[in-house]
N, C-alpha and C. Protein backbone atom coordinates (compact mmCIF):
# COMPACT_ATOMS: atom_id res chain seq x y z
N MET A 1 -1.51 -1.73 6.60
CA MET A 1 -1.64 -0.65 7.54
C MET A 1 -1.96 -1.18 8.94
N LEU A 2 -2.77 -2.22 9.03
CA LEU A 2 -3.14 -2.80 10.32
C LEU A 2 -2.22 -3.93 10.75
N LEU A 3 -1.30 -4.34 9.88
CA LEU A 3 -0.46 -5.49 10.20
C LEU A 3 0.39 -5.28 11.46
N PRO A 4 1.09 -4.15 11.63
CA PRO A 4 1.89 -4.00 12.86
C PRO A 4 1.06 -4.09 14.14
N ARG A 5 -0.11 -3.50 14.13
CA ARG A 5 -0.99 -3.56 15.30
C ARG A 5 -1.46 -4.99 15.55
N THR A 6 -1.73 -5.73 14.49
CA THR A 6 -2.17 -7.11 14.62
C THR A 6 -1.02 -7.99 15.12
N ILE A 7 0.19 -7.72 14.68
CA ILE A 7 1.36 -8.45 15.17
C ILE A 7 1.51 -8.22 16.68
N ASP A 8 1.38 -6.98 17.11
CA ASP A 8 1.49 -6.67 18.54
C ASP A 8 0.42 -7.40 19.35
N LYS A 9 -0.79 -7.43 18.83
CA LYS A 9 -1.87 -8.16 19.51
C LYS A 9 -1.52 -9.64 19.60
N ALA A 10 -1.02 -10.20 18.50
CA ALA A 10 -0.67 -11.62 18.48
C ALA A 10 0.43 -11.91 19.51
N ARG A 11 1.41 -11.05 19.59
CA ARG A 11 2.48 -11.26 20.58
C ARG A 11 1.92 -11.27 22.00
N GLY A 12 0.96 -10.40 22.23
CA GLY A 12 0.33 -10.37 23.55
C GLY A 12 -0.43 -11.64 23.87
N LEU A 13 -0.92 -12.33 22.84
CA LEU A 13 -1.69 -13.55 23.04
C LEU A 13 -0.82 -14.80 23.18
N LEU A 14 0.46 -14.68 22.86
CA LEU A 14 1.36 -15.82 22.96
C LEU A 14 1.74 -16.07 24.42
N PRO A 15 2.17 -17.29 24.75
CA PRO A 15 2.60 -17.56 26.13
C PRO A 15 3.64 -16.55 26.59
N GLY A 16 3.43 -16.00 27.76
CA GLY A 16 4.32 -14.98 28.30
C GLY A 16 3.92 -13.57 27.93
N GLY A 17 2.99 -13.43 27.00
CA GLY A 17 2.54 -12.11 26.56
C GLY A 17 1.44 -11.57 27.46
N ASP A 18 1.12 -10.31 27.26
CA ASP A 18 0.04 -9.68 28.00
C ASP A 18 -0.78 -8.83 27.03
N PRO A 19 -1.91 -9.36 26.56
CA PRO A 19 -2.69 -8.61 25.59
C PRO A 19 -3.50 -7.47 26.19
N GLY A 20 -3.52 -7.36 27.52
CA GLY A 20 -4.38 -6.35 28.12
C GLY A 20 -5.81 -6.63 27.70
N ASP A 21 -6.50 -5.60 27.27
CA ASP A 21 -7.87 -5.84 26.80
C ASP A 21 -7.96 -5.90 25.27
N TYR A 22 -6.80 -6.02 24.61
CA TYR A 22 -6.79 -6.20 23.16
C TYR A 22 -7.08 -7.65 22.80
N ALA A 23 -7.70 -7.85 21.67
CA ALA A 23 -7.97 -9.18 21.13
C ALA A 23 -7.89 -9.09 19.61
N ILE A 24 -7.72 -10.22 18.98
CA ILE A 24 -7.74 -10.26 17.52
C ILE A 24 -9.17 -10.44 17.04
N GLU A 25 -9.88 -11.36 17.67
CA GLU A 25 -11.26 -11.64 17.28
C GLU A 25 -12.20 -11.22 18.38
N PRO A 26 -13.26 -10.56 18.11
CA PRO A 26 -13.65 -9.97 16.83
C PRO A 26 -12.97 -8.61 16.66
N GLY A 27 -13.00 -8.09 15.49
CA GLY A 27 -12.46 -6.75 15.26
C GLY A 27 -11.73 -6.63 13.94
N TRP A 28 -11.02 -5.52 13.81
CA TRP A 28 -10.34 -5.22 12.55
C TRP A 28 -9.19 -6.16 12.29
N SER A 29 -8.53 -6.62 13.34
CA SER A 29 -7.45 -7.58 13.13
C SER A 29 -8.00 -8.89 12.56
N ALA A 30 -9.15 -9.32 13.05
CA ALA A 30 -9.79 -10.52 12.50
C ALA A 30 -10.16 -10.30 11.03
N TRP A 31 -10.68 -9.11 10.74
CA TRP A 31 -11.01 -8.77 9.34
C TRP A 31 -9.76 -8.85 8.48
N LEU A 32 -8.66 -8.25 8.97
CA LEU A 32 -7.41 -8.24 8.22
C LEU A 32 -6.93 -9.67 7.97
N LEU A 33 -6.91 -10.49 9.01
CA LEU A 33 -6.43 -11.86 8.83
C LEU A 33 -7.28 -12.61 7.81
N HIS A 34 -8.58 -12.41 7.88
CA HIS A 34 -9.46 -13.04 6.90
C HIS A 34 -9.10 -12.59 5.48
N GLU A 35 -8.92 -11.30 5.31
CA GLU A 35 -8.59 -10.76 3.98
C GLU A 35 -7.23 -11.24 3.49
N LEU A 36 -6.32 -11.52 4.42
CA LEU A 36 -4.98 -11.99 4.06
C LEU A 36 -4.93 -13.52 3.92
N GLY A 37 -6.01 -14.20 4.29
CA GLY A 37 -6.06 -15.64 4.15
C GLY A 37 -5.46 -16.42 5.31
N PHE A 38 -5.45 -15.83 6.49
CA PHE A 38 -4.94 -16.49 7.69
C PHE A 38 -6.06 -16.76 8.68
N THR A 39 -5.97 -17.88 9.38
CA THR A 39 -6.79 -18.04 10.58
C THR A 39 -6.01 -17.41 11.73
N GLN A 40 -6.68 -17.16 12.83
CA GLN A 40 -5.97 -16.61 13.98
C GLN A 40 -4.88 -17.57 14.43
N ALA A 41 -5.17 -18.87 14.46
CA ALA A 41 -4.18 -19.86 14.90
C ALA A 41 -2.95 -19.86 13.98
N GLU A 42 -3.17 -19.78 12.67
CA GLU A 42 -2.04 -19.74 11.73
C GLU A 42 -1.18 -18.50 11.95
N PHE A 43 -1.86 -17.37 12.16
CA PHE A 43 -1.12 -16.12 12.34
C PHE A 43 -0.34 -16.14 13.66
N LEU A 44 -0.96 -16.63 14.72
CA LEU A 44 -0.25 -16.73 16.00
C LEU A 44 0.98 -17.61 15.86
N ASP A 45 0.87 -18.71 15.13
CA ASP A 45 2.02 -19.59 14.91
C ASP A 45 3.10 -18.87 14.11
N LEU A 46 2.71 -18.13 13.09
CA LEU A 46 3.67 -17.36 12.31
C LEU A 46 4.41 -16.37 13.19
N VAL A 47 3.68 -15.62 13.99
CA VAL A 47 4.31 -14.62 14.87
C VAL A 47 5.23 -15.30 15.88
N ARG A 48 4.81 -16.43 16.40
CA ARG A 48 5.63 -17.17 17.37
C ARG A 48 6.95 -17.61 16.74
N ARG A 49 6.91 -18.08 15.49
CA ARG A 49 8.10 -18.59 14.82
C ARG A 49 8.98 -17.50 14.22
N ALA A 50 8.41 -16.36 13.91
CA ALA A 50 9.14 -15.31 13.17
C ALA A 50 10.18 -14.62 14.04
N GLY A 51 11.26 -14.24 13.39
CA GLY A 51 12.31 -13.52 14.09
C GLY A 51 11.97 -12.05 14.29
N ASP A 52 11.23 -11.48 13.35
CA ASP A 52 10.88 -10.06 13.46
C ASP A 52 9.72 -9.74 12.52
N GLU A 53 9.33 -8.46 12.52
CA GLU A 53 8.20 -8.02 11.69
C GLU A 53 8.47 -8.19 10.21
N ASN A 54 9.73 -8.02 9.80
CA ASN A 54 10.06 -8.17 8.38
C ASN A 54 9.81 -9.59 7.90
N GLU A 55 10.09 -10.56 8.74
CA GLU A 55 9.84 -11.96 8.37
C GLU A 55 8.33 -12.21 8.23
N ILE A 56 7.56 -11.65 9.14
CA ILE A 56 6.10 -11.78 9.05
C ILE A 56 5.59 -11.12 7.78
N ALA A 57 6.06 -9.92 7.51
CA ALA A 57 5.64 -9.20 6.30
C ALA A 57 6.01 -9.98 5.04
N ALA A 58 7.15 -10.65 5.05
CA ALA A 58 7.55 -11.44 3.89
C ALA A 58 6.59 -12.61 3.66
N VAL A 59 6.18 -13.27 4.73
CA VAL A 59 5.23 -14.38 4.59
C VAL A 59 3.89 -13.86 4.09
N VAL A 60 3.45 -12.73 4.62
CA VAL A 60 2.19 -12.12 4.16
C VAL A 60 2.32 -11.77 2.68
N GLY A 61 3.47 -11.22 2.30
CA GLY A 61 3.70 -10.85 0.91
C GLY A 61 3.70 -12.03 -0.05
N GLU A 62 4.02 -13.21 0.46
CA GLU A 62 3.95 -14.42 -0.37
C GLU A 62 2.50 -14.81 -0.65
N ARG A 63 1.61 -14.45 0.25
CA ARG A 63 0.19 -14.82 0.09
C ARG A 63 -0.63 -13.75 -0.61
N VAL A 64 -0.22 -12.50 -0.44
CA VAL A 64 -1.05 -11.38 -0.88
C VAL A 64 -0.22 -10.44 -1.74
N SER A 65 -0.75 -10.08 -2.89
CA SER A 65 -0.02 -9.19 -3.79
C SER A 65 0.04 -7.77 -3.22
N ALA A 66 1.00 -7.02 -3.70
CA ALA A 66 1.14 -5.62 -3.29
C ALA A 66 -0.12 -4.83 -3.66
N GLU A 67 -0.71 -5.16 -4.79
CA GLU A 67 -1.92 -4.48 -5.21
C GLU A 67 -3.07 -4.74 -4.24
N ARG A 68 -3.18 -5.99 -3.78
CA ARG A 68 -4.24 -6.33 -2.81
C ARG A 68 -4.01 -5.59 -1.50
N CYS A 69 -2.77 -5.50 -1.06
CA CYS A 69 -2.45 -4.74 0.15
C CYS A 69 -2.84 -3.27 -0.04
N ASP A 70 -2.53 -2.72 -1.19
CA ASP A 70 -2.92 -1.33 -1.46
C ASP A 70 -4.43 -1.16 -1.41
N THR A 71 -5.16 -2.13 -1.96
CA THR A 71 -6.62 -2.08 -1.95
C THR A 71 -7.16 -2.14 -0.53
N LEU A 72 -6.61 -3.04 0.28
CA LEU A 72 -7.04 -3.16 1.68
C LEU A 72 -6.74 -1.88 2.46
N ASN A 73 -5.56 -1.31 2.25
CA ASN A 73 -5.21 -0.06 2.93
C ASN A 73 -6.13 1.08 2.51
N ALA A 74 -6.43 1.17 1.23
CA ALA A 74 -7.35 2.21 0.76
C ALA A 74 -8.73 2.04 1.38
N ALA A 75 -9.19 0.81 1.45
CA ALA A 75 -10.50 0.55 2.06
C ALA A 75 -10.50 0.96 3.53
N MET A 76 -9.43 0.64 4.23
CA MET A 76 -9.36 0.99 5.65
C MET A 76 -9.29 2.51 5.84
N ARG A 77 -8.56 3.19 4.98
CA ARG A 77 -8.46 4.66 5.10
C ARG A 77 -9.80 5.34 4.87
N ALA A 78 -10.66 4.74 4.06
CA ALA A 78 -11.94 5.37 3.70
C ALA A 78 -13.11 4.90 4.57
N LEU A 79 -12.89 3.87 5.36
CA LEU A 79 -13.99 3.25 6.10
C LEU A 79 -14.52 4.16 7.22
N ARG A 80 -15.80 4.41 7.19
CA ARG A 80 -16.47 5.19 8.23
C ARG A 80 -17.23 4.24 9.14
N VAL A 81 -17.55 4.71 10.33
CA VAL A 81 -18.28 3.90 11.30
C VAL A 81 -19.54 3.32 10.66
N ALA A 82 -20.25 4.13 9.90
CA ALA A 82 -21.49 3.68 9.26
C ALA A 82 -21.28 2.53 8.30
N ASP A 83 -20.06 2.38 7.78
CA ASP A 83 -19.75 1.32 6.81
C ASP A 83 -19.34 0.01 7.47
N ALA A 84 -19.06 0.05 8.76
CA ALA A 84 -18.58 -1.14 9.47
C ALA A 84 -19.71 -2.17 9.59
N PRO A 85 -19.34 -3.45 9.71
CA PRO A 85 -20.37 -4.47 9.97
C PRO A 85 -21.12 -4.12 11.26
N PRO A 86 -22.39 -4.49 11.33
CA PRO A 86 -23.22 -4.08 12.47
C PRO A 86 -22.62 -4.38 13.85
N GLU A 87 -22.02 -5.55 14.02
CA GLU A 87 -21.47 -5.90 15.33
C GLU A 87 -20.27 -5.03 15.70
N ILE A 88 -19.47 -4.66 14.71
CA ILE A 88 -18.32 -3.79 14.97
C ILE A 88 -18.80 -2.35 15.13
N ARG A 89 -19.77 -1.95 14.34
CA ARG A 89 -20.33 -0.60 14.46
C ARG A 89 -20.84 -0.37 15.87
N ALA A 90 -21.52 -1.35 16.44
CA ALA A 90 -22.04 -1.23 17.80
C ALA A 90 -20.91 -1.04 18.80
N VAL A 91 -19.82 -1.78 18.63
CA VAL A 91 -18.67 -1.65 19.52
C VAL A 91 -18.06 -0.25 19.39
N LEU A 92 -17.91 0.22 18.16
CA LEU A 92 -17.33 1.54 17.95
C LEU A 92 -18.18 2.63 18.60
N ARG A 93 -19.46 2.50 18.47
CA ARG A 93 -20.36 3.49 19.07
C ARG A 93 -20.30 3.44 20.59
N ASP A 94 -20.31 2.23 21.14
CA ASP A 94 -20.32 2.08 22.60
C ASP A 94 -18.97 2.43 23.22
N LEU A 95 -17.91 1.89 22.65
CA LEU A 95 -16.58 2.05 23.23
C LEU A 95 -16.02 3.45 23.02
N TYR A 96 -16.22 4.00 21.83
CA TYR A 96 -15.60 5.29 21.49
C TYR A 96 -16.60 6.43 21.37
N HIS A 97 -17.87 6.14 21.58
CA HIS A 97 -18.92 7.15 21.39
C HIS A 97 -18.81 7.76 20.00
N ALA A 98 -18.55 6.90 19.03
CA ALA A 98 -18.29 7.34 17.66
C ALA A 98 -19.58 7.64 16.93
N ASP A 99 -19.50 8.65 16.07
CA ASP A 99 -20.59 8.99 15.17
C ASP A 99 -20.39 8.24 13.86
N ASP A 100 -21.47 8.05 13.13
CA ASP A 100 -21.42 7.30 11.87
C ASP A 100 -20.44 7.89 10.85
N HIS A 101 -20.23 9.20 10.86
CA HIS A 101 -19.38 9.83 9.85
C HIS A 101 -17.89 9.72 10.16
N GLU A 102 -17.52 9.31 11.38
CA GLU A 102 -16.11 9.27 11.75
C GLU A 102 -15.38 8.14 11.02
N LEU A 103 -14.13 8.40 10.70
CA LEU A 103 -13.30 7.38 10.08
C LEU A 103 -12.84 6.38 11.14
N VAL A 104 -12.97 5.11 10.82
CA VAL A 104 -12.57 4.05 11.75
C VAL A 104 -11.08 4.15 12.04
N LEU A 105 -10.28 4.45 11.04
CA LEU A 105 -8.84 4.55 11.24
C LEU A 105 -8.49 5.63 12.27
N ASP A 106 -9.21 6.74 12.26
CA ASP A 106 -8.97 7.78 13.26
C ASP A 106 -9.25 7.26 14.67
N LEU A 107 -10.28 6.45 14.82
CA LEU A 107 -10.61 5.87 16.12
C LEU A 107 -9.53 4.90 16.58
N VAL A 108 -9.03 4.09 15.66
CA VAL A 108 -7.98 3.12 15.98
C VAL A 108 -6.71 3.86 16.41
N ILE A 109 -6.33 4.88 15.67
CA ILE A 109 -5.13 5.65 16.00
C ILE A 109 -5.29 6.33 17.35
N ALA A 110 -6.43 6.95 17.60
CA ALA A 110 -6.67 7.61 18.88
C ALA A 110 -6.63 6.60 20.02
N ASP A 111 -7.20 5.41 19.79
CA ASP A 111 -7.18 4.37 20.81
C ASP A 111 -5.75 3.96 21.13
N ASP A 112 -4.92 3.76 20.13
CA ASP A 112 -3.53 3.39 20.37
C ASP A 112 -2.79 4.49 21.12
N ARG A 113 -3.01 5.74 20.75
CA ARG A 113 -2.35 6.85 21.44
C ARG A 113 -2.77 6.92 22.91
N ASN A 114 -4.06 6.75 23.15
CA ASN A 114 -4.56 6.78 24.53
C ASN A 114 -3.96 5.65 25.36
N ARG A 115 -3.84 4.48 24.77
CA ARG A 115 -3.25 3.35 25.50
C ARG A 115 -1.79 3.57 25.79
N LEU A 116 -1.07 4.18 24.85
CA LEU A 116 0.35 4.49 25.08
C LEU A 116 0.50 5.49 26.22
N ARG A 117 -0.35 6.49 26.24
CA ARG A 117 -0.29 7.48 27.32
C ARG A 117 -0.58 6.85 28.67
N SER A 118 -1.57 5.96 28.71
CA SER A 118 -1.99 5.38 29.99
C SER A 118 -0.98 4.36 30.52
N THR A 119 -0.15 3.79 29.63
CA THR A 119 0.85 2.82 30.09
C THR A 119 2.21 3.48 30.32
N GLY A 120 2.30 4.73 29.93
CA GLY A 120 3.45 5.55 30.22
C GLY A 120 4.67 5.27 29.49
């Protein structure tokens, strides 16, 4: 579920890219890469070499079973601000004025929509 967003962030971090104020570490993309068994450097190299998202997904699929992906997606869908690690919880509260009961995924989606609107 977070892979496309993480790919976009990685592209922004590559030479010639523009990540804006997005980063992989720290945050949910770093969490995802850890869960998938990638370091940030490995993932950036994969994105740099890959022809498209399908190639990246295929490499991820070689490392992680479909069941594990389903488990990670379910965890992300259910994750509330209160469940986040303390350092990320603080960012969510400060950056988004989030309450503990809010779903993190809702905040991520709203953030992406706001950024799309602001970049036109």
